[in-house]
Amino acid sequence: MFVFWYCHKRGKEVRLDKERELTEAEMQQLEKEYHPTDGNENPTTTADEGASMEEVQAGIRMVQVVKEAAAEQDSVMEQPASSDAKVGTASTS
């Protein structure tokens, strides 16, 4: 009976180690693929906790699209302000 218990315990330990290594490999792959522009920033996702890898990747892509759209909108909002300042200085000269 002891032998069966030990084999079961050892098998579980090996399986858990393999799952942990796989999870670490997935995290390294995510870090490589979705390395944030700011070194202190962690990747953001819209996926729920415990979601599959595909859902996490889709959530990360969605967040990136939203960030890019917001940055583009910010740049568009800044352009008219800078052109107004140029026009104002040109008319006073």
N, C-alpha and C. Protein backbone atom coordinates (compact mmCIF):
# COMPACT_ATOMS: atom_id res chain seq x y z
N MET A 1 0.83 -1.19 0.00
CA MET A 1 0.00 0.00 0.00
C MET A 1 0.88 1.26 0.00
N PHE A 2 1.96 1.21 0.76
CA PHE A 2 2.88 2.34 0.83
C PHE A 2 3.48 2.63 -0.54
N VAL A 3 3.81 1.62 -1.30
CA VAL A 3 4.40 1.80 -2.63
C VAL A 3 3.42 2.52 -3.55
N PHE A 4 2.15 2.14 -3.53
CA PHE A 4 1.15 2.79 -4.36
C PHE A 4 0.98 4.26 -3.97
N TRP A 5 0.96 4.52 -2.67
CA TRP A 5 0.83 5.90 -2.19
C TRP A 5 2.02 6.73 -2.67
N TYR A 6 3.24 6.20 -2.54
CA TYR A 6 4.44 6.92 -2.94
C TYR A 6 4.42 7.20 -4.44
N CYS A 7 4.05 6.21 -5.24
CA CYS A 7 4.00 6.40 -6.70
C CYS A 7 2.97 7.48 -7.06
N HIS A 8 1.83 7.46 -6.40
CA HIS A 8 0.79 8.46 -6.64
C HIS A 8 1.30 9.86 -6.28
N LYS A 9 1.95 9.96 -5.11
CA LYS A 9 2.48 11.24 -4.65
C LYS A 9 3.55 11.75 -5.61
N ARG A 10 4.46 10.88 -5.99
CA ARG A 10 5.56 11.26 -6.89
C ARG A 10 5.03 11.66 -8.26
N GLY A 11 4.05 10.95 -8.76
CA GLY A 11 3.45 11.29 -10.04
C GLY A 11 2.79 12.66 -10.00
N LYS A 12 2.14 12.95 -8.91
CA LYS A 12 1.49 14.26 -8.75
C LYS A 12 2.54 15.36 -8.72
N GLU A 13 3.63 15.15 -8.00
CA GLU A 13 4.70 16.14 -7.93
C GLU A 13 5.29 16.42 -9.31
N VAL A 14 5.52 15.37 -10.07
CA VAL A 14 6.08 15.52 -11.41
C VAL A 14 5.10 16.28 -12.30
N ARG A 15 3.82 15.94 -12.23
CA ARG A 15 2.80 16.62 -13.04
C ARG A 15 2.73 18.09 -12.69
N LEU A 16 2.74 18.42 -11.40
CA LEU A 16 2.68 19.82 -10.98
C LEU A 16 3.92 20.59 -11.41
N ASP A 17 5.09 19.96 -11.36
CA ASP A 17 6.32 20.61 -11.83
C ASP A 17 6.23 20.93 -13.31
N LYS A 18 5.72 19.98 -14.11
CA LYS A 18 5.57 20.21 -15.55
C LYS A 18 4.60 21.35 -15.82
N GLU A 19 3.49 21.41 -15.08
CA GLU A 19 2.53 22.49 -15.27
C GLU A 19 3.13 23.84 -14.89
N ARG A 20 3.92 23.86 -13.82
CA ARG A 20 4.56 25.10 -13.40
C ARG A 20 5.55 25.57 -14.45
N GLU A 21 6.35 24.65 -14.98
CA GLU A 21 7.32 25.00 -16.02
C GLU A 21 6.61 25.52 -17.27
N LEU A 22 5.49 24.90 -17.63
CA LEU A 22 4.73 25.35 -18.78
C LEU A 22 4.20 26.75 -18.55
N THR A 23 3.70 27.01 -17.36
CA THR A 23 3.17 28.34 -17.04
C THR A 23 4.29 29.38 -17.10
N GLU A 24 5.45 29.06 -16.59
CA GLU A 24 6.58 29.99 -16.64
C GLU A 24 7.00 30.24 -18.08
N ALA A 25 6.99 29.20 -18.91
CA ALA A 25 7.34 29.36 -20.32
C ALA A 25 6.32 30.25 -21.03
N GLU A 26 5.04 30.07 -20.71
CA GLU A 26 4.01 30.92 -21.31
C GLU A 26 4.19 32.37 -20.89
N MET A 27 4.52 32.61 -19.63
CA MET A 27 4.73 33.97 -19.16
C MET A 27 5.94 34.62 -19.85
N GLN A 28 7.00 33.85 -20.05
CA GLN A 28 8.17 34.38 -20.75
C GLN A 28 7.82 34.72 -22.19
N GLN A 29 7.01 33.87 -22.82
CA GLN A 29 6.58 34.13 -24.19
C GLN A 29 5.72 35.40 -24.25
N LEU A 30 4.81 35.54 -23.30
CA LEU A 30 3.97 36.75 -23.26
C LEU A 30 4.83 38.00 -23.05
N GLU A 31 5.81 37.92 -22.17
CA GLU A 31 6.67 39.06 -21.93
C GLU A 31 7.45 39.43 -23.18
N LYS A 32 7.88 38.42 -23.92
CA LYS A 32 8.64 38.68 -25.13
C LYS A 32 7.74 39.28 -26.21
N GLU A 33 6.54 38.73 -26.39
CA GLU A 33 5.64 39.19 -27.44
C GLU A 33 5.01 40.54 -27.12
N TYR A 34 4.68 40.76 -25.87
CA TYR A 34 3.95 41.96 -25.47
C TYR A 34 4.75 42.79 -24.50
N HIS A 35 6.03 42.96 -24.80
CA HIS A 35 6.89 43.76 -23.93
C HIS A 35 6.37 45.19 -23.93
N PRO A 36 6.01 45.70 -22.78
CA PRO A 36 5.45 47.05 -22.72
C PRO A 36 6.49 48.10 -23.09
N THR A 37 6.02 49.25 -23.55
CA THR A 37 6.94 50.32 -23.92
C THR A 37 7.61 50.91 -22.69
N ASP A 38 6.90 50.96 -21.59
CA ASP A 38 7.45 51.43 -20.32
C ASP A 38 7.93 50.20 -19.56
N GLY A 39 9.18 50.17 -19.18
CA GLY A 39 9.74 49.00 -18.51
C GLY A 39 9.07 48.66 -17.19
N ASN A 40 8.41 49.63 -16.55
CA ASN A 40 7.77 49.38 -15.27
C ASN A 40 6.32 48.93 -15.41
N GLU A 41 5.80 48.96 -16.62
CA GLU A 41 4.39 48.65 -16.86
C GLU A 41 4.21 47.15 -17.10
N ASN A 42 3.19 46.57 -16.48
CA ASN A 42 2.85 45.18 -16.72
C ASN A 42 1.81 45.11 -17.83
N PRO A 43 1.82 44.04 -18.62
CA PRO A 43 0.79 43.93 -19.66
C PRO A 43 -0.60 43.93 -19.03
N THR A 44 -1.53 44.62 -19.67
CA THR A 44 -2.89 44.70 -19.19
C THR A 44 -3.78 43.89 -20.12
N THR A 45 -4.74 43.19 -19.54
CA THR A 45 -5.66 42.40 -20.34
C THR A 45 -7.08 42.59 -19.84
N THR A 46 -8.02 42.32 -20.71
CA THR A 46 -9.42 42.41 -20.32
C THR A 46 -9.98 41.03 -19.95
N ALA A 47 -9.13 40.00 -20.02
CA ALA A 47 -9.56 38.64 -19.72
C ALA A 47 -9.79 38.46 -18.22
N ASP A 48 -10.71 37.59 -17.89
CA ASP A 48 -10.98 37.28 -16.49
C ASP A 48 -9.85 36.45 -15.90
N GLU A 49 -9.75 36.46 -14.58
CA GLU A 49 -8.74 35.66 -13.90
C GLU A 49 -9.00 34.19 -14.17
N GLY A 50 -7.97 33.46 -14.50
CA GLY A 50 -8.11 32.04 -14.78
C GLY A 50 -8.52 31.75 -16.22
N ALA A 51 -8.49 32.77 -17.09
CA ALA A 51 -8.88 32.59 -18.49
C ALA A 51 -7.81 31.82 -19.23
N SER A 52 -8.18 31.28 -20.39
CA SER A 52 -7.22 30.53 -21.20
C SER A 52 -6.20 31.49 -21.80
N MET A 53 -5.11 30.93 -22.30
CA MET A 53 -4.03 31.72 -22.88
C MET A 53 -4.53 32.53 -24.08
N GLU A 54 -5.40 31.94 -24.88
CA GLU A 54 -5.93 32.64 -26.05
C GLU A 54 -6.76 33.86 -25.63
N GLU A 55 -7.55 33.70 -24.58
CA GLU A 55 -8.37 34.82 -24.09
C GLU A 55 -7.49 35.93 -23.53
N VAL A 56 -6.41 35.56 -22.84
CA VAL A 56 -5.49 36.55 -22.28
C VAL A 56 -4.82 37.32 -23.42
N GLN A 57 -4.36 36.61 -24.45
CA GLN A 57 -3.71 37.27 -25.58
C GLN A 57 -4.68 38.19 -26.31
N ALA A 58 -5.92 37.74 -26.49
CA ALA A 58 -6.93 38.57 -27.14
C ALA A 58 -7.20 39.82 -26.30
N GLY A 59 -7.24 39.67 -24.99
CA GLY A 59 -7.45 40.82 -24.11
C GLY A 59 -6.30 41.80 -24.17
N ILE A 60 -5.08 41.30 -24.26
CA ILE A 60 -3.91 42.17 -24.36
C ILE A 60 -3.96 42.96 -25.67
N ARG A 61 -4.30 42.27 -26.77
CA ARG A 61 -4.41 42.95 -28.06
C ARG A 61 -5.49 44.04 -28.01
N MET A 62 -6.61 43.74 -27.36
CA MET A 62 -7.69 44.72 -27.25
C MET A 62 -7.22 45.96 -26.49
N VAL A 63 -6.50 45.75 -25.41
CA VAL A 63 -5.99 46.88 -24.62
C VAL A 63 -5.00 47.70 -25.45
N GLN A 64 -4.14 47.03 -26.23
CA GLN A 64 -3.19 47.75 -27.06
C GLN A 64 -3.90 48.61 -28.10
N VAL A 65 -4.96 48.08 -28.71
CA VAL A 65 -5.71 48.84 -29.71
C VAL A 65 -6.33 50.07 -29.07
N VAL A 66 -6.88 49.90 -27.88
CA VAL A 66 -7.51 51.03 -27.19
C VAL A 66 -6.45 52.08 -26.83
N LYS A 67 -5.29 51.64 -26.36
CA LYS A 67 -4.22 52.59 -26.02
C LYS A 67 -3.75 53.35 -27.26
N GLU A 68 -3.59 52.63 -28.38
CA GLU A 68 -3.15 53.28 -29.61
C GLU A 68 -4.19 54.29 -30.09
N ALA A 69 -5.47 53.94 -29.99
CA ALA A 69 -6.53 54.86 -30.39
C ALA A 69 -6.53 56.10 -29.49
N ALA A 70 -6.32 55.91 -28.20
CA ALA A 70 -6.27 57.04 -27.28
C ALA A 70 -5.07 57.93 -27.56
N ALA A 71 -3.93 57.33 -27.86
CA ALA A 71 -2.73 58.12 -28.18
C ALA A 71 -2.94 58.89 -29.47
N GLU A 72 -3.58 58.27 -30.45
CA GLU A 72 -3.86 58.95 -31.71
C GLU A 72 -4.83 60.11 -31.49
N GLN A 73 -5.83 59.89 -30.67
CA GLN A 73 -6.79 60.96 -30.38
C GLN A 73 -6.10 62.11 -29.63
N ASP A 74 -5.20 61.77 -28.72
CA ASP A 74 -4.46 62.81 -28.01
C ASP A 74 -3.61 63.63 -28.97
N SER A 75 -2.96 62.96 -29.93
CA SER A 75 -2.12 63.69 -30.88
C SER A 75 -2.98 64.57 -31.78
N VAL A 76 -4.17 64.12 -32.14
CA VAL A 76 -5.07 64.93 -32.95
C VAL A 76 -5.54 66.14 -32.16
N MET A 77 -5.82 65.94 -30.89
CA MET A 77 -6.28 67.05 -30.04
C MET A 77 -5.18 68.08 -29.84
N GLU A 78 -3.92 67.67 -29.83
CA GLU A 78 -2.81 68.59 -29.62
C GLU A 78 -2.48 69.39 -30.88
N GLN A 79 -2.70 68.84 -32.05
CA GLN A 79 -2.33 69.51 -33.30
C GLN A 79 -3.06 70.84 -33.50
N PRO A 80 -4.36 70.94 -33.33
CA PRO A 80 -5.01 72.25 -33.53
C PRO A 80 -4.51 73.29 -32.54
N ALA A 81 -4.20 72.91 -31.34
CA ALA A 81 -3.73 73.86 -30.34
C ALA A 81 -2.38 74.44 -30.77
N SER A 82 -1.50 73.62 -31.29
CA SER A 82 -0.19 74.12 -31.71
C SER A 82 -0.31 74.96 -32.97
N SER A 83 -1.23 74.66 -33.88
CA SER A 83 -1.39 75.46 -35.09
C SER A 83 -2.01 76.80 -34.76
N ASP A 84 -2.90 76.86 -33.75
CA ASP A 84 -3.47 78.13 -33.31
C ASP A 84 -2.39 79.04 -32.75
N ALA A 85 -1.46 78.47 -32.02
CA ALA A 85 -0.39 79.26 -31.43
C ALA A 85 0.49 79.83 -32.54
N LYS A 86 0.74 79.09 -33.60
CA LYS A 86 1.56 79.58 -34.71
C LYS A 86 0.85 80.70 -35.44
N VAL A 87 -0.46 80.55 -35.63
CA VAL A 87 -1.23 81.58 -36.32
C VAL A 87 -1.22 82.86 -35.50
N GLY A 88 -1.37 82.74 -34.20
CA GLY A 88 -1.38 83.91 -33.33
C GLY A 88 -0.06 84.65 -33.36
N THR A 89 1.04 83.93 -33.39
CA THR A 89 2.35 84.60 -33.43
C THR A 89 2.60 85.20 -34.79
N ALA A 90 2.09 84.57 -35.85
CA ALA A 90 2.31 85.08 -37.20
C ALA A 90 1.54 86.39 -37.39
N SER A 91 0.35 86.51 -36.83
CA SER A 91 -0.45 87.70 -37.04
C SER A 91 0.07 88.89 -36.22
N THR A 92 0.79 88.64 -35.14
CA THR A 92 1.31 89.74 -34.33
C THR A 92 2.61 90.28 -34.88
N SER A 93 3.29 89.52 -35.77
CA SER A 93 4.60 89.96 -36.30
C SER A 93 4.45 91.00 -37.35
